[in-house]
């Protein structure tokens, strides 16, 4: 039996530090157990999917960048990218003017990590969702694999792809892709904040099944760190955008992510060729919820994100061992 291995990483802004911390703990343990300092997460997955901040992590992982460096991206650049996240002035910019943040600092930070690498430089297959607002439809940036006779995305700069998947409406400007004839893109979280189902369908369509190279799918999915956005009974029912604030965006992301997880959990119980595990991320302390938001990047917020990531790793480390027993077997052109 030959297994096709998929890693999926949710979107969630600065909360990507939670996912990166879990991956960092996994990578350190792999290095410790093997004695091989060159081991990276990408060595264990044929396909990596990521949306928004998860897309940034996926792109970095695909280049063999260490998870230590990815964590530093959040802790060092997060406070600069999400500067002035609290208060009335940022809210006014977001609700009435040109959006909460510029993407200049984000772009600069991305170049420091991804440099001038293109999709073709990936050491694994990639699926990075975005939303094509020029044509009003979903889109997925992929490594151009021969199984799908693909030839569209390999020359795209990873920085441009990262900006396209993370252009969250009202937070960052719309992304423009010159190499795609100036198409405009918004955050992939608009339709696939949890890209696990994308990874599953990509695997089935091209790689797994009768007369294909692989027999089954092993899918490890990492959630963002979420707090339930709730209202008390008898709360005010008539709300403007400002009345909803953060709860509007968070509710959409959490709802679709949870549905995708429920669907795959049910599928894995009835389908013999799918081995699926979801590392969840729920904030149960209401005090912590106030400090953990999509764009809160002060010392308290970053510390909590790291703490939750460390705690979750120790909670699930025994369950995820099977996903790191064998390395990936799909070889991209970049690895020859």
C-alpha atoms as a PDB file:
ATOM      1  CA  UNK A   1       0.000   0.000   0.000  1.00  0.00           C
ATOM      2  CA  UNK A   2       1.390   3.383  -1.030  1.00  0.00           C
ATOM      3  CA  UNK A   3       0.236   6.406   0.954  1.00  0.00           C
ATOM      4  CA  UNK A   4      -0.174   9.968  -0.316  1.00  0.00           C
ATOM      5  CA  UNK A   5       0.513  12.364   2.576  1.00  0.00           C
ATOM      6  CA  UNK A   6      -1.210  15.748   2.953  1.00  0.00           C
ATOM      7  CA  UNK A   7      -0.700  18.580   5.445  1.00  0.00           C
ATOM      8  CA  UNK A   8      -3.356  21.289   5.736  1.00  0.00           C
ATOM      9  CA  UNK A   9      -3.016  24.566   7.663  1.00  0.00           C
ATOM     10  CA  UNK A  10      -5.912  26.935   8.434  1.00  0.00           C
ATOM     11  CA  UNK A  11      -5.921  30.706   8.060  1.00  0.00           C
ATOM     12  CA  UNK A  12      -6.136  33.116  10.987  1.00  0.00           C
ATOM     13  CA  UNK A  13      -3.796  36.114  10.749  1.00  0.00           C
ATOM     14  CA  UNK A  14      -1.258  36.444  13.551  1.00  0.00           C
ATOM     15  CA  UNK A  15      -2.747  33.260  15.016  1.00  0.00           C
ATOM     16  CA  UNK A  16      -0.559  31.446  12.518  1.00  0.00           C
ATOM     17  CA  UNK A  17       1.999  31.510  15.326  1.00  0.00           C
ATOM     18  CA  UNK A  18      -0.105  28.845  17.048  1.00  0.00           C
ATOM     19  CA  UNK A  19       0.161  26.510  14.030  1.00  0.00           C
ATOM     20  CA  UNK A  20       3.832  27.346  13.482  1.00  0.00           C
ATOM     21  CA  UNK A  21       4.613  26.579  17.139  1.00  0.00           C
ATOM     22  CA  UNK A  22       3.036  23.128  16.893  1.00  0.00           C
ATOM     23  CA  UNK A  23       5.001  22.408  13.715  1.00  0.00           C
ATOM     24  CA  UNK A  24       8.171  23.690  15.374  1.00  0.00           C
ATOM     25  CA  UNK A  25       7.741  21.260  18.267  1.00  0.00           C
ATOM     26  CA  UNK A  26       7.161  18.414  15.808  1.00  0.00           C
ATOM     27  CA  UNK A  27      10.210  19.321  13.741  1.00  0.00           C
ATOM     28  CA  UNK A  28      12.460  19.571  16.800  1.00  0.00           C
ATOM     29  CA  UNK A  29      11.315  16.143  17.969  1.00  0.00           C
ATOM     30  CA  UNK A  30      11.989  14.622  14.534  1.00  0.00           C
ATOM     31  CA  UNK A  31      15.496  16.077  14.557  1.00  0.00           C
ATOM     32  CA  UNK A  32      16.113  14.854  18.105  1.00  0.00           C
ATOM     33  CA  UNK A  33      14.905  11.324  17.380  1.00  0.00           C
ATOM     34  CA  UNK A  34      16.851  10.988  14.129  1.00  0.00           C
ATOM     35  CA  UNK A  35      19.968  12.993  14.936  1.00  0.00           C
ATOM     36  CA  UNK A  36      19.563  14.628  11.519  1.00  0.00           C
ATOM     37  CA  UNK A  37      19.578  18.425  11.811  1.00  0.00           C
ATOM     38  CA  UNK A  38      18.572  18.800   8.170  1.00  0.00           C
ATOM     39  CA  UNK A  39      15.138  17.204   8.622  1.00  0.00           C
ATOM     40  CA  UNK A  40      12.207  19.486   7.800  1.00  0.00           C
ATOM     41  CA  UNK A  41       8.411  19.161   7.857  1.00  0.00           C
ATOM     42  CA  UNK A  42       8.336  19.163   4.047  1.00  0.00           C
ATOM     43  CA  UNK A  43      10.215  15.837   4.066  1.00  0.00           C
ATOM     44  CA  UNK A  44       7.060  14.127   5.358  1.00  0.00           C
ATOM     45  CA  UNK A  45       4.294  15.464   3.089  1.00  0.00           C
ATOM     46  CA  UNK A  46       3.652  15.030  -0.627  1.00  0.00           C
ATOM     47  CA  UNK A  47       1.198  17.936  -0.651  1.00  0.00           C
ATOM     48  CA  UNK A  48       0.927  20.966   1.633  1.00  0.00           C
ATOM     49  CA  UNK A  49      -2.211  23.136   1.587  1.00  0.00           C
ATOM     50  CA  UNK A  50      -2.568  26.457   3.369  1.00  0.00           C
ATOM     51  CA  UNK A  51      -4.998  29.362   3.415  1.00  0.00           C
ATOM     52  CA  UNK A  52      -4.139  32.969   4.283  1.00  0.00           C
ATOM     53  CA  UNK A  53      -1.589  32.854   7.115  1.00  0.00           C
ATOM     54  CA  UNK A  54      -1.622  29.076   6.672  1.00  0.00           C
ATOM     55  CA  UNK A  55      -0.659  29.709   3.053  1.00  0.00           C
ATOM     56  CA  UNK A  56       2.348  31.736   4.174  1.00  0.00           C
ATOM     57  CA  UNK A  57       3.411  28.829   6.405  1.00  0.00           C
ATOM     58  CA  UNK A  58       2.800  26.298   3.615  1.00  0.00           C
ATOM     59  CA  UNK A  59       4.968  28.241   1.155  1.00  0.00           C
ATOM     60  CA  UNK A  60       7.795  28.576   3.664  1.00  0.00           C
ATOM     61  CA  UNK A  61       7.616  24.892   4.601  1.00  0.00           C
ATOM     62  CA  UNK A  62       7.705  23.905   0.928  1.00  0.00           C
ATOM     63  CA  UNK A  63      11.100  25.585   0.559  1.00  0.00           C
ATOM     64  CA  UNK A  64      12.521  23.646   3.488  1.00  0.00           C
ATOM     65  CA  UNK A  65      12.630  26.736   5.709  1.00  0.00           C
ATOM     66  CA  UNK A  66      12.888  25.741   9.347  1.00  0.00           C
ATOM     67  CA  UNK A  67       9.850  26.107  11.558  1.00  0.00           C
ATOM     68  CA  UNK A  68      12.042  28.071  13.963  1.00  0.00           C
ATOM     69  CA  UNK A  69      12.444  30.751  11.297  1.00  0.00           C
ATOM     70  CA  UNK A  70       8.710  30.678  10.539  1.00  0.00           C
ATOM     71  CA  UNK A  71       7.909  31.293  14.223  1.00  0.00           C
ATOM     72  CA  UNK A  72      10.331  34.227  14.204  1.00  0.00           C
ATOM     73  CA  UNK A  73       8.460  35.670  11.220  1.00  0.00           C
ATOM     74  CA  UNK A  74       5.399  36.061  13.446  1.00  0.00           C
ATOM     75  CA  UNK A  75       7.133  37.247  16.596  1.00  0.00           C
ATOM     76  CA  UNK A  76       9.452  39.709  14.854  1.00  0.00           C
ATOM     77  CA  UNK A  77       7.297  41.004  12.021  1.00  0.00           C
ATOM     78  CA  UNK A  78       3.806  40.606  13.483  1.00  0.00           C
ATOM     79  CA  UNK A  79       3.975  43.747  15.658  1.00  0.00           C
ATOM     80  CA  UNK A  80       5.140  45.764  12.627  1.00  0.00           C
ATOM     81  CA  UNK A  81       2.572  44.375  10.185  1.00  0.00           C
ATOM     82  CA  UNK A  82      -0.331  44.769  12.627  1.00  0.00           C
ATOM     83  CA  UNK A  83       0.758  48.031  14.219  1.00  0.00           C
ATOM     84  CA  UNK A  84      -2.033  50.095  15.813  1.00  0.00           C
ATOM     85  CA  UNK A  85      -4.530  47.218  15.800  1.00  0.00           C
ATOM     86  CA  UNK A  86      -6.603  48.586  18.697  1.00  0.00           C
ATOM     87  CA  UNK A  87      -8.576  51.756  19.276  1.00  0.00           C
ATOM     88  CA  UNK A  88     -11.048  53.951  17.415  1.00  0.00           C
ATOM     89  CA  UNK A  89      -8.787  55.183  14.611  1.00  0.00           C
ATOM     90  CA  UNK A  90      -8.005  51.676  13.227  1.00  0.00           C
ATOM     91  CA  UNK A  91     -11.707  50.853  13.451  1.00  0.00           C
ATOM     92  CA  UNK A  92     -12.617  53.979  11.470  1.00  0.00           C
ATOM     93  CA  UNK A  93      -9.993  53.130   8.824  1.00  0.00           C
ATOM     94  CA  UNK A  94     -11.380  49.610   8.559  1.00  0.00           C
ATOM     95  CA  UNK A  95     -15.056  50.536   8.467  1.00  0.00           C
ATOM     96  CA  UNK A  96     -15.113  53.772   6.492  1.00  0.00           C
ATOM     97  CA  UNK A  97     -11.842  54.441   4.690  1.00  0.00           C
ATOM     98  CA  UNK A  98      -9.236  52.294   2.944  1.00  0.00           C
ATOM     99  CA  UNK A  99      -8.830  49.293   5.211  1.00  0.00           C
ATOM    100  CA  UNK A 100      -7.094  48.694   8.501  1.00  0.00           C
ATOM    101  CA  UNK A 101      -3.532  48.044   7.265  1.00  0.00           C
ATOM    102  CA  UNK A 102      -1.207  48.664   4.359  1.00  0.00           C
ATOM    103  CA  UNK A 103       0.395  45.562   2.843  1.00  0.00           C
ATOM    104  CA  UNK A 104       3.826  47.199   2.440  1.00  0.00           C
ATOM    105  CA  UNK A 105       5.272  45.861   5.705  1.00  0.00           C
ATOM    106  CA  UNK A 106       3.757  42.442   5.067  1.00  0.00           C
ATOM    107  CA  UNK A 107       5.301  42.336   1.590  1.00  0.00           C
ATOM    108  CA  UNK A 108       8.708  43.382   2.918  1.00  0.00           C
ATOM    109  CA  UNK A 109       8.564  40.718   5.637  1.00  0.00           C
ATOM    110  CA  UNK A 110       7.537  38.052   3.123  1.00  0.00           C
ATOM    111  CA  UNK A 111      10.516  38.854   0.910  1.00  0.00           C
ATOM    112  CA  UNK A 112      12.835  38.381   3.873  1.00  0.00           C
ATOM    113  CA  UNK A 113      11.528  34.829   4.329  1.00  0.00           C
ATOM    114  CA  UNK A 114      10.496  33.664   0.848  1.00  0.00           C
ATOM    115  CA  UNK A 115      12.981  35.840  -1.063  1.00  0.00           C
ATOM    116  CA  UNK A 116      12.570  35.610  -4.864  1.00  0.00           C
ATOM    117  CA  UNK A 117      11.530  31.968  -4.885  1.00  0.00           C
ATOM    118  CA  UNK A 118       8.807  30.868  -7.254  1.00  0.00           C
ATOM    119  CA  UNK A 119       6.254  28.094  -6.971  1.00  0.00           C
ATOM    120  CA  UNK A 120       8.516  25.904  -9.112  1.00  0.00           C
ATOM    121  CA  UNK A 121      11.114  25.988  -6.303  1.00  0.00           C
ATOM    122  CA  UNK A 122       8.816  24.051  -3.963  1.00  0.00           C
ATOM    123  CA  UNK A 123       9.997  20.690  -2.656  1.00  0.00           C
ATOM    124  CA  UNK A 124       6.421  19.381  -2.505  1.00  0.00           C
ATOM    125  CA  UNK A 125       3.077  19.793  -4.209  1.00  0.00           C
ATOM    126  CA  UNK A 126       1.154  22.906  -3.179  1.00  0.00           C
ATOM    127  CA  UNK A 127      -2.472  24.060  -3.037  1.00  0.00           C
ATOM    128  CA  UNK A 128      -2.931  27.686  -1.911  1.00  0.00           C
ATOM    129  CA  UNK A 129      -6.544  28.944  -2.149  1.00  0.00           C
ATOM    130  CA  UNK A 130      -7.524  32.525  -2.913  1.00  0.00           C
ATOM    131  CA  UNK A 131     -10.645  34.260  -4.259  1.00  0.00           C
ATOM    132  CA  UNK A 132     -10.581  35.727  -7.769  1.00  0.00           C
ATOM    133  CA  UNK A 133     -12.646  38.904  -7.343  1.00  0.00           C
ATOM    134  CA  UNK A 134     -12.130  39.891 -10.969  1.00  0.00           C
ATOM    135  CA  UNK A 135     -14.333  36.984 -12.047  1.00  0.00           C
ATOM    136  CA  UNK A 136     -16.112  36.313  -8.766  1.00  0.00           C
ATOM    137  CA  UNK A 137     -14.963  32.741  -8.240  1.00  0.00           C
ATOM    138  CA  UNK A 138     -12.594  30.566  -6.213  1.00  0.00           C
ATOM    139  CA  UNK A 139      -9.034  29.917  -7.322  1.00  0.00           C
ATOM    140  CA  UNK A 140      -6.213  27.655  -6.143  1.00  0.00           C
ATOM    141  CA  UNK A 141      -2.536  28.294  -6.820  1.00  0.00           C
ATOM    142  CA  UNK A 142      -0.819  24.968  -7.405  1.00  0.00           C
ATOM    143  CA  UNK A 143       2.562  23.479  -8.088  1.00  0.00           C
ATOM    144  CA  UNK A 144       2.341  22.577 -11.803  1.00  0.00           C
ATOM    145  CA  UNK A 145       2.320  18.801 -11.616  1.00  0.00           C
ATOM    146  CA  UNK A 146       2.315  16.616 -14.746  1.00  0.00           C
ATOM    147  CA  UNK A 147      -0.511  14.429 -13.410  1.00  0.00           C
ATOM    148  CA  UNK A 148      -2.892  17.352 -13.988  1.00  0.00           C
ATOM    149  CA  UNK A 149      -1.082  18.632 -17.075  1.00  0.00           C
ATOM    150  CA  UNK A 150      -0.729  21.959 -15.228  1.00  0.00           C
ATOM    151  CA  UNK A 151       1.392  24.810 -16.567  1.00  0.00           C
ATOM    152  CA  UNK A 152       0.016  28.027 -15.053  1.00  0.00           C
ATOM    153  CA  UNK A 153       1.531  28.837 -11.667  1.00  0.00           C
ATOM    154  CA  UNK A 154       5.127  27.614 -11.437  1.00  0.00           C
ATOM    155  CA  UNK A 155       6.603  30.965 -12.512  1.00  0.00           C
ATOM    156  CA  UNK A 156       4.628  32.957  -9.935  1.00  0.00           C
ATOM    157  CA  UNK A 157       6.609  34.579  -7.142  1.00  0.00           C
ATOM    158  CA  UNK A 158       5.747  33.011  -3.803  1.00  0.00           C
ATOM    159  CA  UNK A 159       5.502  36.484  -2.281  1.00  0.00           C
ATOM    160  CA  UNK A 160       2.738  37.399  -4.754  1.00  0.00           C
ATOM    161  CA  UNK A 161       0.882  34.154  -4.010  1.00  0.00           C
ATOM    162  CA  UNK A 162       1.211  34.817  -0.269  1.00  0.00           C
ATOM    163  CA  UNK A 163      -0.266  38.302  -0.677  1.00  0.00           C
ATOM    164  CA  UNK A 164      -3.142  36.935  -2.763  1.00  0.00           C
ATOM    165  CA  UNK A 165      -4.154  34.240  -0.270  1.00  0.00           C
ATOM    166  CA  UNK A 166      -3.938  36.621   2.721  1.00  0.00           C
ATOM    167  CA  UNK A 167      -5.629  39.776   1.367  1.00  0.00           C
ATOM    168  CA  UNK A 168      -8.325  39.754   4.053  1.00  0.00           C
ATOM    169  CA  UNK A 169     -11.145  42.190   3.175  1.00  0.00           C
ATOM    170  CA  UNK A 170     -11.087  45.404   5.258  1.00  0.00           C
ATOM    171  CA  UNK A 171      -7.731  44.360   6.759  1.00  0.00           C
ATOM    172  CA  UNK A 172      -5.363  44.404   3.778  1.00  0.00           C
ATOM    173  CA  UNK A 173      -5.599  45.833   0.247  1.00  0.00           C
ATOM    174  CA  UNK A 174      -6.824  43.658  -2.599  1.00  0.00           C
ATOM    175  CA  UNK A 175      -3.912  41.796  -4.203  1.00  0.00           C
ATOM    176  CA  UNK A 176      -3.112  42.276  -7.881  1.00  0.00           C
ATOM    177  CA  UNK A 177      -1.288  39.595  -9.878  1.00  0.00           C
ATOM    178  CA  UNK A 178       0.510  41.051 -12.904  1.00  0.00           C
ATOM    179  CA  UNK A 179       1.518  37.622 -14.198  1.00  0.00           C
ATOM    180  CA  UNK A 180      -2.164  36.678 -14.327  1.00  0.00           C
ATOM    181  CA  UNK A 181      -3.058  39.688 -16.473  1.00  0.00           C
ATOM    182  CA  UNK A 182      -3.689  41.929 -13.455  1.00  0.00           C
ATOM    183  CA  UNK A 183      -6.344  39.745 -11.845  1.00  0.00           C
ATOM    184  CA  UNK A 184      -7.477  40.887  -8.422  1.00  0.00           C
ATOM    185  CA  UNK A 185      -7.511  38.503  -5.462  1.00  0.00           C
ATOM    186  CA  UNK A 186      -8.865  38.447  -1.911  1.00  0.00           C
ATOM    187  CA  UNK A 187      -8.221  36.166   1.054  1.00  0.00           C
ATOM    188  CA  UNK A 188      -8.713  32.438   0.465  1.00  0.00           C
ATOM    189  CA  UNK A 189     -10.512  32.321   3.806  1.00  0.00           C
ATOM    190  CA  UNK A 190     -13.573  33.705   2.038  1.00  0.00           C
ATOM    191  CA  UNK A 191     -14.320  30.174   0.890  1.00  0.00           C
ATOM    192  CA  UNK A 192     -11.667  27.762   2.234  1.00  0.00           C
ATOM    193  CA  UNK A 193     -10.265  28.855   5.570  1.00  0.00           C
ATOM    194  CA  UNK A 194      -9.743  25.172   6.334  1.00  0.00           C
ATOM    195  CA  UNK A 195      -8.175  23.836   3.104  1.00  0.00           C
ATOM    196  CA  UNK A 196      -8.243  20.179   4.175  1.00  0.00           C
ATOM    197  CA  UNK A 197     -10.988  19.328   1.694  1.00  0.00           C
ATOM    198  CA  UNK A 198      -8.934  20.913  -1.082  1.00  0.00           C
ATOM    199  CA  UNK A 199      -6.065  18.599  -0.217  1.00  0.00           C
ATOM    200  CA  UNK A 200      -8.362  15.588  -0.136  1.00  0.00           C
ATOM    201  CA  UNK A 201      -9.969  16.310  -3.508  1.00  0.00           C
ATOM    202  CA  UNK A 202      -6.612  17.116  -5.125  1.00  0.00           C
ATOM    203  CA  UNK A 203      -5.270  13.785  -3.917  1.00  0.00           C
ATOM    204  CA  UNK A 204      -8.261  11.825  -5.209  1.00  0.00           C
ATOM    205  CA  UNK A 205      -8.408  13.610  -8.530  1.00  0.00           C
ATOM    206  CA  UNK A 206      -4.802  13.098  -9.539  1.00  0.00           C
ATOM    207  CA  UNK A 207      -2.883  10.747  -7.288  1.00  0.00           C
ATOM    208  CA  UNK A 208      -4.945   8.226  -5.305  1.00  0.00           C
ATOM    209  CA  UNK A 209      -7.161   5.426  -6.536  1.00  0.00           C
ATOM    210  CA  UNK A 210      -7.437   2.807  -9.241  1.00  0.00           C
ATOM    211  CA  UNK A 211      -4.762   3.084 -11.929  1.00  0.00           C
ATOM    212  CA  UNK A 212      -3.021   5.853  -9.992  1.00  0.00           C
ATOM    213  CA  UNK A 213       0.284   5.906  -8.138  1.00  0.00           C
ATOM    214  CA  UNK A 214      -1.125   5.854  -4.590  1.00  0.00           C
ATOM    215  CA  UNK A 215      -3.609   3.659  -2.732  1.00  0.00           C
ATOM    216  CA  UNK A 216      -4.700   5.808   0.224  1.00  0.00           C
ATOM    217  CA  UNK A 217      -4.509   9.255   1.817  1.00  0.00           C
ATOM    218  CA  UNK A 218      -3.041  10.347   5.132  1.00  0.00           C
ATOM    219  CA  UNK A 219      -4.254  13.856   5.973  1.00  0.00           C
ATOM    220  CA  UNK A 220      -3.062  15.906   8.936  1.00  0.00           C
ATOM    221  CA  UNK A 221      -4.995  19.152   9.442  1.00  0.00           C
ATOM    222  CA  UNK A 222      -4.006  21.995  11.783  1.00  0.00           C
ATOM    223  CA  UNK A 223      -6.708  24.386  12.959  1.00  0.00           C
ATOM    224  CA  UNK A 224      -6.204  28.016  13.777  1.00  0.00           C
ATOM    225  CA  UNK A 225      -6.702  29.037  17.402  1.00  0.00           C
ATOM    226  CA  UNK A 226     -10.352  30.043  17.656  1.00  0.00           C
ATOM    227  CA  UNK A 227     -12.700  31.455  20.234  1.00  0.00           C
ATOM    228  CA  UNK A 228     -16.430  30.980  19.810  1.00  0.00           C
ATOM    229  CA  UNK A 229     -18.032  34.268  18.793  1.00  0.00           C
ATOM    230  CA  UNK A 230     -21.247  34.330  20.779  1.00  0.00           C
ATOM    231  CA  UNK A 231     -23.972  36.683  21.966  1.00  0.00           C
ATOM    232  CA  UNK A 232     -25.938  36.429  25.166  1.00  0.00           C
ATOM    233  CA  UNK A 233     -29.742  36.008  25.077  1.00  0.00           C
ATOM    234  CA  UNK A 234     -31.544  39.332  24.619  1.00  0.00           C
ATOM    235  CA  UNK A 235     -28.485  40.962  23.050  1.00  0.00           C
ATOM    236  CA  UNK A 236     -29.035  43.828  20.636  1.00  0.00           C
ATOM    237  CA  UNK A 237     -30.233  42.290  17.344  1.00  0.00           C
ATOM    238  CA  UNK A 238     -29.788  45.239  15.007  1.00  0.00           C
ATOM    239  CA  UNK A 239     -26.080  45.642  14.313  1.00  0.00           C
ATOM    240  CA  UNK A 240     -24.032  47.571  11.761  1.00  0.00           C
ATOM    241  CA  UNK A 241     -20.600  46.498  10.563  1.00  0.00           C
ATOM    242  CA  UNK A 242     -19.104  48.338  13.519  1.00  0.00           C
ATOM    243  CA  UNK A 243     -21.574  46.595  15.813  1.00  0.00           C
ATOM    244  CA  UNK A 244     -20.360  43.210  14.595  1.00  0.00           C
ATOM    245  CA  UNK A 245     -16.668  44.146  14.401  1.00  0.00           C
ATOM    246  CA  UNK A 246     -14.325  41.186  14.811  1.00  0.00           C
ATOM    247  CA  UNK A 247     -17.161  38.741  15.380  1.00  0.00           C
ATOM    248  CA  UNK A 248     -18.347  38.994  11.773  1.00  0.00           C
ATOM    249  CA  UNK A 249     -15.076  37.820  10.221  1.00  0.00           C
ATOM    250  CA  UNK A 250     -14.253  35.280  12.930  1.00  0.00           C
ATOM    251  CA  UNK A 251     -17.697  33.653  12.774  1.00  0.00           C
ATOM    252  CA  UNK A 252     -17.412  33.108   9.022  1.00  0.00           C
ATOM    253  CA  UNK A 253     -13.938  31.589   9.279  1.00  0.00           C
ATOM    254  CA  UNK A 254     -14.742  29.353  12.235  1.00  0.00           C
ATOM    255  CA  UNK A 255     -18.062  28.137  10.824  1.00  0.00           C
ATOM    256  CA  UNK A 256     -16.714  26.971   7.481  1.00  0.00           C
ATOM    257  CA  UNK A 257     -13.587  25.468   9.072  1.00  0.00           C
ATOM    258  CA  UNK A 258     -15.678  23.397  11.476  1.00  0.00           C
ATOM    259  CA  UNK A 259     -17.999  22.189   8.724  1.00  0.00           C
ATOM    260  CA  UNK A 260     -15.047  21.040   6.632  1.00  0.00           C
ATOM    261  CA  UNK A 261     -13.703  19.144   9.642  1.00  0.00           C
ATOM    262  CA  UNK A 262     -17.054  17.460  10.369  1.00  0.00           C
ATOM    263  CA  UNK A 263     -17.354  16.434   6.721  1.00  0.00           C
ATOM    264  CA  UNK A 264     -13.904  14.842   6.642  1.00  0.00           C
ATOM    265  CA  UNK A 265     -14.354  13.160  10.022  1.00  0.00           C
ATOM    266  CA  UNK A 266     -17.553  11.553   8.748  1.00  0.00           C
ATOM    267  CA  UNK A 267     -15.894  10.612   5.477  1.00  0.00           C
ATOM    268  CA  UNK A 268     -12.933   8.990   7.224  1.00  0.00           C
ATOM    269  CA  UNK A 269     -15.336   6.751   9.158  1.00  0.00           C
ATOM    270  CA  UNK A 270     -16.955   5.456   5.988  1.00  0.00           C
ATOM    271  CA  UNK A 271     -14.047   5.517   3.518  1.00  0.00           C
ATOM    272  CA  UNK A 272     -11.246   3.002   3.815  1.00  0.00           C
ATOM    273  CA  UNK A 273      -8.652   5.029   1.914  1.00  0.00           C
ATOM    274  CA  UNK A 274      -8.642   8.128   4.192  1.00  0.00           C
ATOM    275  CA  UNK A 275      -6.688   8.447   7.443  1.00  0.00           C
ATOM    276  CA  UNK A 276      -7.608  11.888   8.817  1.00  0.00           C
ATOM    277  CA  UNK A 277      -6.603  13.738  11.979  1.00  0.00           C
ATOM    278  CA  UNK A 278      -7.386  17.324  12.979  1.00  0.00           C
ATOM    279  CA  UNK A 279      -5.299  19.235  15.520  1.00  0.00           C
ATOM    280  CA  UNK A 280      -7.909  21.571  16.946  1.00  0.00           C
ATOM    281  CA  UNK A 281      -7.488  24.954  18.575  1.00  0.00           C
ATOM    282  CA  UNK A 282     -10.181  26.202  20.935  1.00  0.00           C
ATOM    283  CA  UNK A 283      -9.765  29.063  23.389  1.00  0.00           C
ATOM    284  CA  UNK A 284     -11.859  28.221  26.422  1.00  0.00           C
ATOM    285  CA  UNK A 285     -10.695  31.027  28.697  1.00  0.00           C
ATOM    286  CA  UNK A 286     -12.727  34.206  27.953  1.00  0.00           C
ATOM    287  CA  UNK A 287      -9.924  36.383  29.322  1.00  0.00           C
ATOM    288  CA  UNK A 288      -7.512  34.884  26.790  1.00  0.00           C
ATOM    289  CA  UNK A 289     -10.032  35.396  23.989  1.00  0.00           C
ATOM    290  CA  UNK A 290      -9.782  39.150  24.438  1.00  0.00           C
ATOM    291  CA  UNK A 291      -6.051  39.021  23.705  1.00  0.00           C
ATOM    292  CA  UNK A 292      -6.105  36.443  20.898  1.00  0.00           C
ATOM    293  CA  UNK A 293      -7.501  38.070  17.771  1.00  0.00           C
ATOM    294  CA  UNK A 294      -6.597  37.900  14.090  1.00  0.00           C
ATOM    295  CA  UNK A 295      -4.416  41.034  14.316  1.00  0.00           C
ATOM    296  CA  UNK A 296      -3.431  41.402  17.995  1.00  0.00           C
ATOM    297  CA  UNK A 297       0.349  41.078  18.109  1.00  0.00           C
ATOM    298  CA  UNK A 298       1.496  42.610  21.391  1.00  0.00           C
ATOM    299  CA  UNK A 299       3.684  40.649  23.832  1.00  0.00           C
ATOM    300  CA  UNK A 300       0.709  39.198  25.680  1.00  0.00           C
ATOM    301  CA  UNK A 301      -0.977  37.946  22.510  1.00  0.00           C
ATOM    302  CA  UNK A 302       2.202  36.415  21.064  1.00  0.00           C
ATOM    303  CA  UNK A 303       3.023  34.749  24.369  1.00  0.00           C
ATOM    304  CA  UNK A 304      -0.436  33.198  24.632  1.00  0.00           C
ATOM    305  CA  UNK A 305      -0.297  31.920  21.051  1.00  0.00           C
ATOM    306  CA  UNK A 306       3.025  30.207  21.735  1.00  0.00           C
ATOM    307  CA  UNK A 307       1.733  28.764  25.009  1.00  0.00           C
ATOM    308  CA  UNK A 308      -1.367  27.309  23.352  1.00  0.00           C
ATOM    309  CA  UNK A 309       0.764  25.832  20.567  1.00  0.00           C
ATOM    310  CA  UNK A 310       3.165  24.190  23.004  1.00  0.00           C
ATOM    311  CA  UNK A 311       0.349  22.802  25.139  1.00  0.00           C
ATOM    312  CA  UNK A 312      -1.524  21.448  22.131  1.00  0.00           C
ATOM    313  CA  UNK A 313       1.574  19.677  20.808  1.00  0.00           C
ATOM    314  CA  UNK A 314       2.024  17.799  24.073  1.00  0.00           C
ATOM    315  CA  UNK A 315      -1.674  16.946  24.052  1.00  0.00           C
ATOM    316  CA  UNK A 316      -1.634  15.377  20.572  1.00  0.00           C
ATOM    317  CA  UNK A 317       1.951  14.212  20.065  1.00  0.00           C
ATOM    318  CA  UNK A 318       1.094  10.530  20.560  1.00  0.00           C
ATOM    319  CA  UNK A 319      -1.838  10.740  18.140  1.00  0.00           C
ATOM    320  CA  UNK A 320       0.193  12.298  15.320  1.00  0.00           C
ATOM    321  CA  UNK A 321       3.134   9.878  15.448  1.00  0.00           C
ATOM    322  CA  UNK A 322       1.748   7.799  12.511  1.00  0.00           C
ATOM    323  CA  UNK A 323       1.917  10.870  10.251  1.00  0.00           C
ATOM    324  CA  UNK A 324       5.677  11.122  10.708  1.00  0.00           C
ATOM    325  CA  UNK A 325       6.785   7.495  10.502  1.00  0.00           C
ATOM    326  CA  UNK A 326       7.334   7.546   6.748  1.00  0.00           C
ATOM    327  CA  UNK A 327       8.624  10.343   4.557  1.00  0.00           C
ATOM    328  CA  UNK A 328       6.911  11.599   1.440  1.00  0.00           C
ATOM    329  CA  UNK A 329       7.481   9.795  -1.834  1.00  0.00           C
ATOM    330  CA  UNK A 330       6.313  12.297  -4.454  1.00  0.00           C
ATOM    331  CA  UNK A 331       9.330  14.005  -5.999  1.00  0.00           C
ATOM    332  CA  UNK A 332       9.017  17.453  -7.583  1.00  0.00           C
ATOM    333  CA  UNK A 333      11.268  18.662 -10.378  1.00  0.00           C
ATOM    334  CA  UNK A 334      13.047  20.886  -7.863  1.00  0.00           C
ATOM    335  CA  UNK A 335      14.407  17.814  -6.053  1.00  0.00           C
ATOM    336  CA  UNK A 336      16.198  16.140  -8.937  1.00  0.00           C
END
